[in-house]
Amino acid sequence: MWTISIADIDIWRTAWLMVERYGDGAGFETAARADELMEAGDLDGAATWQRILDAVDELQRTQRTADELVN
């Protein structure tokens, strides 16, 4: 079995598209896709969509963490 590595830029592009398409529901839709792939046994696909979910969460984040610096 082989593994495909998805470039970070493609993860962020997909996350941005999910936010554009689903707005506030982007996280739910992205998580649902990751769950579907996990249930189907596609661990690589599920891992990729989990990365996309992490990026969606970051794009929609509105507050800094306690230790985050301000530019």
C-alpha atoms as a PDB file:
ATOM      1  CA  MET A   1       0.000   0.000   0.000  1.00  0.00           C
ATOM      2  CA  TRP A   2       1.253   3.516  -0.770  1.00  0.00           C
ATOM      3  CA  THR A   3       0.640   6.833   0.903  1.00  0.00           C
ATOM      4  CA  ILE A   4       0.045  10.146  -0.834  1.00  0.00           C
ATOM      5  CA  SER A   5       1.363  13.213   0.921  1.00  0.00           C
ATOM      6  CA  ILE A   6      -0.758  16.303   0.378  1.00  0.00           C
ATOM      7  CA  ALA A   7       1.160  19.598   0.359  1.00  0.00           C
ATOM      8  CA  ASP A   8       0.324  22.085   3.099  1.00  0.00           C
ATOM      9  CA  ILE A   9      -0.726  24.682   0.512  1.00  0.00           C
ATOM     10  CA  ASP A  10      -3.346  22.272  -0.835  1.00  0.00           C
ATOM     11  CA  ILE A  11      -4.658  21.651   2.687  1.00  0.00           C
ATOM     12  CA  TRP A  12      -5.043  25.409   3.232  1.00  0.00           C
ATOM     13  CA  ARG A  13      -6.648  25.924  -0.197  1.00  0.00           C
ATOM     14  CA  THR A  14      -9.181  23.208   0.504  1.00  0.00           C
ATOM     15  CA  ALA A  15      -9.886  24.611   3.965  1.00  0.00           C
ATOM     16  CA  TRP A  16     -10.461  28.058   2.470  1.00  0.00           C
ATOM     17  CA  LEU A  17     -12.840  26.567  -0.106  1.00  0.00           C
ATOM     18  CA  MET A  18     -14.757  24.735   2.636  1.00  0.00           C
ATOM     19  CA  VAL A  19     -15.146  27.991   4.583  1.00  0.00           C
ATOM     20  CA  GLU A  20     -16.245  29.826   1.425  1.00  0.00           C
ATOM     21  CA  ARG A  21     -18.808  27.154   0.580  1.00  0.00           C
ATOM     22  CA  TYR A  22     -20.163  26.243   4.021  1.00  0.00           C
ATOM     23  CA  GLY A  23     -19.410  29.309   6.154  1.00  0.00           C
ATOM     24  CA  ASP A  24     -19.947  28.579   9.832  1.00  0.00           C
ATOM     25  CA  GLY A  25     -20.805  24.966   8.942  1.00  0.00           C
ATOM     26  CA  ALA A  26     -17.406  24.312   7.363  1.00  0.00           C
ATOM     27  CA  GLY A  27     -16.049  22.555  10.434  1.00  0.00           C
ATOM     28  CA  PHE A  28     -19.053  20.251  10.624  1.00  0.00           C
ATOM     29  CA  GLU A  29     -18.920  19.396   6.916  1.00  0.00           C
ATOM     30  CA  THR A  30     -15.175  18.787   7.018  1.00  0.00           C
ATOM     31  CA  ALA A  31     -15.414  16.598  10.116  1.00  0.00           C
ATOM     32  CA  ALA A  32     -18.252  14.627   8.532  1.00  0.00           C
ATOM     33  CA  ARG A  33     -16.081  13.892   5.490  1.00  0.00           C
ATOM     34  CA  ALA A  34     -13.207  12.748   7.724  1.00  0.00           C
ATOM     35  CA  ASP A  35     -15.616  10.480   9.636  1.00  0.00           C
ATOM     36  CA  GLU A  36     -17.025   8.999   6.414  1.00  0.00           C
ATOM     37  CA  LEU A  37     -13.540   8.134   5.201  1.00  0.00           C
ATOM     38  CA  MET A  38     -12.575   6.649   8.576  1.00  0.00           C
ATOM     39  CA  GLU A  39     -15.685   4.465   8.595  1.00  0.00           C
ATOM     40  CA  ALA A  40     -14.868   3.323   5.051  1.00  0.00           C
ATOM     41  CA  GLY A  41     -11.401   2.321   6.203  1.00  0.00           C
ATOM     42  CA  ASP A  42      -9.563   5.033   4.266  1.00  0.00           C
ATOM     43  CA  LEU A  43      -7.129   6.065   6.965  1.00  0.00           C
ATOM     44  CA  ASP A  44      -5.007   8.241   4.675  1.00  0.00           C
ATOM     45  CA  GLY A  45      -8.077  10.086   3.417  1.00  0.00           C
ATOM     46  CA  ALA A  46      -9.387  10.551   6.943  1.00  0.00           C
ATOM     47  CA  ALA A  47      -6.009  11.891   8.068  1.00  0.00           C
ATOM     48  CA  THR A  48      -5.969  14.338   5.167  1.00  0.00           C
ATOM     49  CA  TRP A  49      -9.437  15.621   6.010  1.00  0.00           C
ATOM     50  CA  GLN A  50      -8.416  15.924   9.660  1.00  0.00           C
ATOM     51  CA  ARG A  51      -5.574  18.192   8.518  1.00  0.00           C
ATOM     52  CA  ILE A  52      -8.119  20.193   6.519  1.00  0.00           C
ATOM     53  CA  LEU A  53     -10.346  20.410   9.603  1.00  0.00           C
ATOM     54  CA  ASP A  54      -7.438  21.757  11.648  1.00  0.00           C
ATOM     55  CA  ALA A  55      -6.877  24.412   8.959  1.00  0.00           C
ATOM     56  CA  VAL A  56     -10.604  25.276   8.862  1.00  0.00           C
ATOM     57  CA  ASP A  57     -10.556  25.721  12.642  1.00  0.00           C
ATOM     58  CA  GLU A  58      -7.529  28.005  12.342  1.00  0.00           C
ATOM     59  CA  LEU A  59      -9.141  30.080   9.575  1.00  0.00           C
ATOM     60  CA  GLN A  60     -12.282  30.554  11.650  1.00  0.00           C
ATOM     61  CA  ARG A  61     -10.502  31.236  14.928  1.00  0.00           C
ATOM     62  CA  THR A  62     -11.324  34.641  16.374  1.00  0.00           C
ATOM     63  CA  GLN A  63      -9.160  34.757  19.507  1.00  0.00           C
ATOM     64  CA  ARG A  64      -5.466  34.362  20.215  1.00  0.00           C
ATOM     65  CA  THR A  65      -4.172  31.682  22.530  1.00  0.00           C
ATOM     66  CA  ALA A  66      -2.684  32.840  25.834  1.00  0.00           C
ATOM     67  CA  ASP A  67       0.911  32.364  24.667  1.00  0.00           C
ATOM     68  CA  GLU A  68       0.469  33.659  21.116  1.00  0.00           C
ATOM     69  CA  LEU A  69       2.460  36.732  20.135  1.00  0.00           C
ATOM     70  CA  VAL A  70       0.973  39.690  18.286  1.00  0.00           C
ATOM     71  CA  ASN A  71       2.747  40.812  15.101  1.00  0.00           C
END
